[in-house]
Amino acid sequence: MNQPADLPVIDLRSDTVTRPTPPMLDAMRQAPVGDDVYEEDPTVRALEAESAARFGLDAGLFCPSGTMTNQIAIKAHTEPLSEVICEQTSHIYLWEVGGIAFHSAASVALLPGERGRVTAAQVEAAIRPTDNVHYPTTRLVSLENTHNRGGGACYAWDDLVAISEVACRHGLVRHLDGARVFNALVATGQRSQDYGQVFDSISVCLSKGLGAPVGSVLLGSAAFIKKCRRIRKVMGGGMRQAGFLAAAGLYALEHNVARLADDHRRAARLAAVLAGQPNVAEVLPAETNLVMFRLTNETSVPEYLARLAEHGIRAGGFGGQWVRFVTHLDVDDAMLARVEEAVSQLEVTR
């Protein structure tokens, strides 16, 4: 079938595909700006200060992407011959182009997690003995919340505290890849201000569920952010009149956090519909806005995605028989109904 010409495309590939709303564009147009490399952009300064305050940390650094904020943090926290502990499907390891090796010359200790989540006991067991010259020096523990590859899984607060206590006991630094941390906060009811107690640095993405077109903010102590500002510059991340972009982030923080609950509600609806389809073998729990499902071995993933496209629906394969849907602010209930109808009609085999 061909997609009806009058129906908009429903893009479920990622929450990065969102576009600024008219009010967000108005905020961008009206933003006071300056040269951010000279630290003279008032809107950037406001975004950095607001972001840091929300998470109980001292300072922030606005960057073009979450990959940059993660890699700057790792570079600042480590030195060559040190090691980063993270879950084996972490974004910092899988999807940042080998940046830990390229930028930081650091090793990585990979832990097998439960939907991307690791335990304090696993972290403690991965810490290297300091008196053996054959080993790198364990320096950093990095967690991801929500966990992308785990289908938007969230850490329980007690688990974050337990891992933090292990790290502190062994003198390790704690970093959070919080690309979708606001999704985790909305889903769990945790307080963002408490996160500064369990992490030394946090990367917060503005261009996913919050709907800003560009940008992430790296948070930490004033001394840490001062060091990171230099690293950002050498990575090419120094921007000039960046306040036009920062204004979108400020608008998102003010207006687009609570509404993430709508994305979560829609994701749960999709997961329930998918669980009842004969060509779906497994659906991961939809805790937030990511819906990960595994097609049966008899079902062709490319053909399944092509059939969805005929209904005007875009989705992405996620390796093997896995497919991912992501709900976001550009998907409303009417669109969701179209998706539910389409997946109920698909009978695709190899």
Protein backbone atom coordinates (compact mmCIF):
# COMPACT_ATOMS: atom_id res chain seq x y z
CA MET A 1 0.00 0.00 0.00
CA ASN A 2 1.03 3.61 -0.44
CA GLN A 3 0.90 6.12 2.39
CA PRO A 4 -2.08 8.50 2.07
CA ALA A 5 -0.76 11.85 0.94
CA ASP A 6 -2.68 13.82 3.58
CA LEU A 7 -1.30 11.89 6.58
CA PRO A 8 1.89 13.12 8.25
CA VAL A 9 4.85 10.79 8.64
CA ILE A 10 5.16 9.35 12.13
CA ASP A 11 8.85 9.15 12.97
CA LEU A 12 9.51 6.71 15.80
CA ARG A 13 13.20 6.18 15.08
CA SER A 14 14.35 8.40 17.95
CA ASP A 15 13.36 11.31 20.17
CA THR A 16 16.19 13.23 18.49
CA VAL A 17 13.96 13.87 15.46
CA THR A 18 11.77 16.42 17.27
CA ARG A 19 11.58 19.94 15.90
CA PRO A 20 11.30 23.18 17.88
CA THR A 21 7.75 24.29 18.60
CA PRO A 22 6.70 27.84 17.66
CA PRO A 23 7.07 29.07 21.28
CA MET A 24 10.55 27.56 21.46
CA LEU A 25 11.48 29.28 18.19
CA ASP A 26 10.19 32.56 19.62
CA ALA A 27 12.43 32.10 22.67
CA MET A 28 15.40 31.44 20.40
CA ARG A 29 14.74 34.53 18.29
CA GLN A 30 14.46 36.76 21.34
CA ALA A 31 17.53 35.44 23.17
CA PRO A 32 20.23 37.94 24.20
CA VAL A 33 23.57 36.62 22.96
CA GLY A 34 27.29 37.24 23.13
CA ASP A 35 30.54 35.41 22.35
CA ASP A 36 30.50 32.25 24.42
CA VAL A 37 34.21 31.51 23.93
CA TYR A 38 34.79 34.79 25.81
CA GLU A 39 32.13 33.57 28.30
CA GLU A 40 30.01 36.58 27.35
CA ASP A 41 26.79 34.94 26.22
CA PRO A 42 24.16 35.64 28.91
CA THR A 43 21.73 32.99 27.69
CA VAL A 44 24.37 30.28 27.72
CA ARG A 45 25.39 31.34 31.22
CA ALA A 46 21.76 31.17 32.32
CA LEU A 47 21.30 27.67 30.87
CA GLU A 48 24.49 26.40 32.50
CA ALA A 49 23.55 27.87 35.89
CA GLU A 50 19.96 26.59 35.76
CA SER A 51 21.05 23.09 34.74
CA ALA A 52 23.67 22.87 37.49
CA ALA A 53 21.24 24.11 40.15
CA ARG A 54 18.64 21.53 39.16
CA PHE A 55 21.10 18.71 39.82
CA GLY A 56 22.75 20.08 42.94
CA LEU A 57 26.10 20.79 41.29
CA ASP A 58 28.13 23.98 41.02
CA ALA A 59 28.59 24.70 37.33
CA GLY A 60 27.75 23.68 33.78
CA LEU A 61 29.24 23.67 30.30
CA PHE A 62 27.04 23.90 27.19
CA CYS A 63 28.19 21.65 24.35
CA PRO A 64 26.87 20.64 20.92
CA SER A 65 26.19 16.99 21.81
CA GLY A 66 25.97 14.37 24.52
CA THR A 67 28.85 12.48 22.97
CA MET A 68 31.01 15.56 23.48
CA THR A 69 29.92 16.08 27.09
CA ASN A 70 30.57 12.41 27.89
CA GLN A 71 33.95 12.37 26.23
CA ILE A 72 35.03 15.66 27.80
CA ALA A 73 34.10 14.31 31.22
CA ILE A 74 36.02 11.07 30.71
CA LYS A 75 39.05 12.99 29.48
CA ALA A 76 38.93 15.32 32.48
CA HIS A 77 38.49 12.50 35.01
CA THR A 78 41.13 10.11 33.67
CA GLU A 79 44.68 9.95 32.42
CA PRO A 80 46.45 7.43 30.18
CA LEU A 81 46.80 3.97 31.76
CA SER A 82 43.61 4.43 33.78
CA GLU A 83 40.37 2.50 33.37
CA VAL A 84 36.66 3.28 33.12
CA ILE A 85 34.08 0.86 34.54
CA CYS A 86 30.79 0.77 32.63
CA GLU A 87 28.09 -1.60 31.47
CA GLN A 88 28.96 -3.46 28.26
CA THR A 89 26.20 -1.83 26.19
CA SER A 90 26.83 1.70 27.46
CA HIS A 91 26.56 4.53 24.97
CA ILE A 92 30.02 5.81 25.94
CA TYR A 93 31.47 2.50 24.82
CA LEU A 94 29.26 1.31 21.95
CA TRP A 95 28.20 4.46 20.16
CA GLU A 96 30.81 7.15 20.67
CA VAL A 97 33.25 5.98 17.99
CA GLY A 98 35.80 4.55 20.41
CA GLY A 99 36.19 7.99 21.95
CA ILE A 100 37.51 6.68 25.27
CA ALA A 101 40.52 5.20 23.50
CA PHE A 102 40.90 8.06 21.02
CA HIS A 103 40.60 11.00 23.41
CA SER A 104 41.67 9.60 26.77
CA ALA A 105 43.96 6.61 26.06
CA ALA A 106 42.07 4.82 28.82
CA SER A 107 41.03 1.20 29.17
CA VAL A 108 37.44 0.05 29.71
CA ALA A 109 36.17 -2.63 32.11
CA LEU A 110 32.86 -3.87 30.71
CA LEU A 111 30.22 -5.32 33.03
CA PRO A 112 27.22 -7.42 31.94
CA GLY A 113 24.15 -5.62 33.22
CA GLU A 114 20.45 -6.34 33.54
CA ARG A 115 18.96 -4.17 30.77
CA GLY A 116 22.03 -1.96 31.09
CA ARG A 117 21.98 -1.65 34.87
CA VAL A 118 24.90 -2.87 36.99
CA THR A 119 25.15 -3.49 40.73
CA ALA A 120 27.43 -2.17 43.42
CA ALA A 121 28.86 -5.68 43.87
CA GLN A 122 29.78 -5.86 40.17
CA VAL A 123 31.48 -2.47 40.33
CA GLU A 124 33.48 -3.43 43.39
CA ALA A 125 34.59 -6.72 41.82
CA ALA A 126 35.82 -4.87 38.71
CA ILE A 127 38.15 -2.52 40.60
CA ARG A 128 41.78 -3.36 39.80
CA PRO A 129 44.39 -4.07 42.49
CA THR A 130 46.66 -1.04 42.78
CA ASP A 131 49.85 -3.01 43.46
CA ASN A 132 50.00 -4.98 40.20
CA VAL A 133 51.80 -3.25 37.32
CA HIS A 134 50.00 -5.44 34.77
CA TYR A 135 46.71 -3.62 35.35
CA PRO A 136 45.48 -0.16 34.46
CA THR A 137 44.41 2.01 37.38
CA THR A 138 40.68 2.03 37.98
CA ARG A 139 39.64 5.66 37.97
CA LEU A 140 36.03 6.20 36.87
CA VAL A 141 32.62 4.56 37.17
CA SER A 142 30.15 5.63 34.48
CA LEU A 143 26.43 4.80 34.58
CA GLU A 144 23.69 5.48 32.03
CA ASN A 145 20.18 6.46 33.17
CA THR A 146 17.90 5.76 31.42
CA HIS A 147 19.80 3.03 29.58
CA ASN A 148 19.33 3.25 25.83
CA ARG A 149 20.20 -0.31 24.87
CA GLY A 150 18.17 -1.57 27.83
CA GLY A 151 15.00 -0.08 26.40
CA GLY A 152 14.85 2.97 28.65
CA ALA A 153 15.46 1.10 31.91
CA CYS A 154 15.85 3.27 35.04
CA TYR A 155 18.08 2.81 38.06
CA ALA A 156 16.45 2.58 41.48
CA TRP A 157 17.69 5.30 43.82
CA ASP A 158 19.05 2.82 46.37
CA ASP A 159 21.17 1.20 43.65
CA LEU A 160 22.64 4.55 42.64
CA VAL A 161 23.51 5.26 46.27
CA ALA A 162 25.09 1.83 46.73
CA ILE A 163 27.28 2.20 43.63
CA SER A 164 28.25 5.71 44.70
CA GLU A 165 29.31 4.44 48.13
CA VAL A 166 31.52 1.77 46.56
CA ALA A 167 33.12 4.34 44.28
CA CYS A 168 33.78 6.77 47.12
CA ARG A 169 35.23 4.04 49.33
CA HIS A 170 37.77 3.23 46.62
CA GLY A 171 38.50 6.82 45.61
CA LEU A 172 36.80 6.53 42.23
CA VAL A 173 35.11 9.33 40.29
CA ARG A 174 31.42 8.95 39.37
CA HIS A 175 29.96 10.06 36.01
CA LEU A 176 26.40 9.85 34.73
CA ASP A 177 25.50 9.69 31.07
CA GLY A 178 22.11 11.32 31.60
CA ALA A 179 21.07 11.58 27.97
CA ARG A 180 17.52 10.76 29.09
CA VAL A 181 17.88 11.46 32.80
CA PHE A 182 14.71 13.58 32.86
CA ASN A 183 12.78 10.56 31.60
CA ALA A 184 14.19 8.62 34.55
CA LEU A 185 13.25 11.37 36.98
CA VAL A 186 9.67 11.58 35.70
CA ALA A 187 9.26 7.79 35.68
CA THR A 188 10.68 7.17 39.16
CA GLY A 189 9.81 10.34 41.04
CA GLN A 190 13.43 10.83 42.02
CA ARG A 191 14.67 14.38 42.74
CA SER A 192 17.19 15.87 40.32
CA GLN A 193 18.79 17.87 43.17
CA ASP A 194 19.84 14.62 44.85
CA TYR A 195 21.88 13.48 41.86
CA GLY A 196 24.74 15.81 42.77
CA GLN A 197 25.23 13.68 45.90
CA VAL A 198 25.91 10.47 43.96
CA PHE A 199 27.71 11.78 40.85
CA ASP A 200 30.73 14.01 40.37
CA SER A 201 29.70 14.86 36.82
CA ILE A 202 26.49 14.55 34.83
CA SER A 203 25.82 14.85 31.10
CA VAL A 204 22.29 16.12 30.41
CA CYS A 205 20.93 16.04 26.86
CA LEU A 206 18.46 18.71 25.75
CA SER A 207 17.78 17.48 22.21
CA LYS A 208 15.99 14.21 22.98
CA GLY A 209 12.74 14.11 24.93
CA LEU A 210 13.04 17.76 25.92
CA GLY A 211 12.76 18.75 22.26
CA ALA A 212 15.59 21.26 21.83
CA PRO A 213 17.23 21.15 18.39
CA VAL A 214 20.84 20.92 19.64
CA GLY A 215 22.84 20.61 22.79
CA SER A 216 23.86 18.95 26.02
CA VAL A 217 25.14 20.39 29.29
CA LEU A 218 27.98 18.89 31.32
CA LEU A 219 27.64 19.49 35.06
CA GLY A 220 30.14 19.30 37.91
CA SER A 221 32.21 21.33 40.34
CA ALA A 222 33.48 24.77 39.36
CA ALA A 223 37.07 23.50 39.13
CA PHE A 224 36.02 20.50 37.03
CA ILE A 225 34.04 22.65 34.59
CA LYS A 226 36.95 25.08 34.25
CA LYS A 227 39.15 22.16 33.21
CA CYS A 228 36.46 20.86 30.87
CA ARG A 229 36.12 24.24 29.15
CA ARG A 230 39.69 23.90 27.89
CA ILE A 231 39.03 20.33 26.73
CA ARG A 232 35.89 21.46 24.92
CA LYS A 233 37.96 24.05 23.07
CA VAL A 234 40.56 21.54 21.86
CA MET A 235 37.74 19.25 20.67
CA GLY A 236 36.35 22.09 18.56
CA GLY A 237 33.35 22.67 20.78
CA GLY A 238 33.84 26.38 21.46
CA MET A 239 30.77 28.15 20.07
CA ARG A 240 30.19 31.88 19.59
CA GLN A 241 26.64 33.29 19.74
CA ALA A 242 25.40 30.00 21.16
CA GLY A 243 22.66 31.69 23.15
CA PHE A 244 20.20 31.13 20.31
CA LEU A 245 20.63 27.39 20.93
CA ALA A 246 20.82 27.72 24.71
CA ALA A 247 17.50 29.56 24.70
CA ALA A 248 15.87 26.43 23.30
CA GLY A 249 17.37 24.45 26.17
CA LEU A 250 16.08 26.90 28.75
CA TYR A 251 12.62 26.76 27.22
CA ALA A 252 12.75 22.95 27.26
CA LEU A 253 13.69 22.83 30.93
CA GLU A 254 10.81 25.10 31.82
CA HIS A 255 8.08 23.64 29.61
CA ASN A 256 8.95 20.12 28.41
CA VAL A 257 9.93 18.07 31.46
CA ALA A 258 6.56 17.21 33.03
CA ARG A 259 5.08 16.34 29.62
CA LEU A 260 7.55 13.42 29.32
CA ALA A 261 4.91 11.45 31.23
CA ASP A 262 2.76 11.59 28.07
CA ASP A 263 5.56 9.94 26.09
CA HIS A 264 5.84 7.22 28.73
CA ARG A 265 2.09 6.60 28.67
CA ARG A 266 2.12 6.25 24.89
CA ALA A 267 5.14 3.94 24.97
CA ALA A 268 3.38 1.67 27.47
CA ARG A 269 0.32 1.55 25.18
CA LEU A 270 2.48 0.57 22.21
CA ALA A 271 4.27 -2.10 24.23
CA ALA A 272 0.94 -3.63 25.24
CA VAL A 273 -0.28 -3.75 21.64
CA LEU A 274 2.99 -5.24 20.39
CA ALA A 275 2.94 -7.93 23.07
CA GLY A 276 -0.20 -9.33 21.51
CA GLN A 277 1.11 -9.62 17.95
CA PRO A 278 1.97 -13.07 16.52
CA ASN A 279 5.13 -11.78 14.80
CA VAL A 280 6.55 -10.32 18.05
CA ALA A 281 8.50 -12.72 20.24
CA GLU A 282 9.38 -10.40 23.12
CA VAL A 283 8.75 -6.86 24.33
CA LEU A 284 10.97 -5.26 26.96
CA PRO A 285 9.18 -3.43 29.79
CA ALA A 286 8.44 0.12 28.62
CA GLU A 287 9.50 2.08 31.70
CA THR A 288 9.95 5.35 29.84
CA ASN A 289 9.68 6.38 26.17
CA LEU A 290 11.64 3.56 24.50
CA VAL A 291 9.85 0.47 23.22
CA MET A 292 12.20 -2.38 22.35
CA PHE A 293 10.71 -5.51 20.83
CA ARG A 294 12.09 -8.66 19.22
CA LEU A 295 10.43 -10.06 16.12
CA THR A 296 10.04 -13.80 15.67
CA ASN A 297 12.79 -15.56 13.75
CA GLU A 298 10.32 -16.11 10.90
CA THR A 299 9.85 -12.35 10.48
CA SER A 300 12.13 -10.24 8.28
CA VAL A 301 13.18 -7.05 10.05
CA PRO A 302 13.88 -5.10 6.81
CA GLU A 303 10.53 -6.15 5.38
CA TYR A 304 8.76 -5.29 8.64
CA LEU A 305 10.27 -1.80 8.60
CA ALA A 306 9.41 -1.41 4.91
CA ARG A 307 5.79 -2.36 5.57
CA LEU A 308 5.64 0.18 8.40
CA ALA A 309 6.99 2.80 6.01
CA GLU A 310 4.08 2.07 3.66
CA HIS A 311 1.83 3.20 6.52
CA GLY A 312 3.88 6.38 6.91
CA ILE A 313 5.67 5.10 10.02
CA ARG A 314 9.42 5.21 10.46
CA ALA A 315 11.20 2.91 12.92
CA GLY A 316 14.68 1.52 13.34
CA GLY A 317 16.24 -1.91 13.56
CA PHE A 318 18.31 -2.39 16.68
CA GLY A 319 20.44 -5.39 15.80
CA GLY A 320 19.40 -8.97 15.16
CA GLN A 321 15.63 -9.30 15.36
CA TRP A 322 15.19 -6.22 17.55
CA VAL A 323 13.21 -3.11 16.57
CA ARG A 324 12.87 0.13 18.53
CA PHE A 325 10.02 2.63 18.74
CA VAL A 326 10.62 5.93 20.54
CA THR A 327 7.75 8.20 21.58
CA HIS A 328 8.31 11.94 21.81
CA LEU A 329 6.57 15.32 21.71
CA ASP A 330 5.95 15.14 17.95
CA VAL A 331 3.81 12.00 18.37
CA ASP A 332 0.26 12.60 19.64
CA ASP A 333 -2.55 10.20 20.49
CA ALA A 334 -4.02 10.26 16.98
CA MET A 335 -0.66 9.24 15.55
CA LEU A 336 -0.35 6.55 18.20
CA ALA A 337 -3.66 5.09 17.11
CA ARG A 338 -2.35 4.90 13.53
CA VAL A 339 0.74 3.02 14.73
CA GLU A 340 -1.35 0.61 16.80
CA GLU A 341 -3.57 -0.12 13.79
CA ALA A 342 -0.58 -0.62 11.50
CA VAL A 343 1.31 -3.05 13.75
CA SER A 344 -1.87 -5.05 14.23
CA GLN A 345 -2.18 -5.50 10.46
CA LEU A 346 1.40 -6.50 9.65
CA GLU A 347 1.92 -10.13 8.78
CA VAL A 348 5.49 -10.26 7.55
CA THR A 349 7.55 -13.42 7.09
CA ARG A 350 10.92 -14.06 5.57
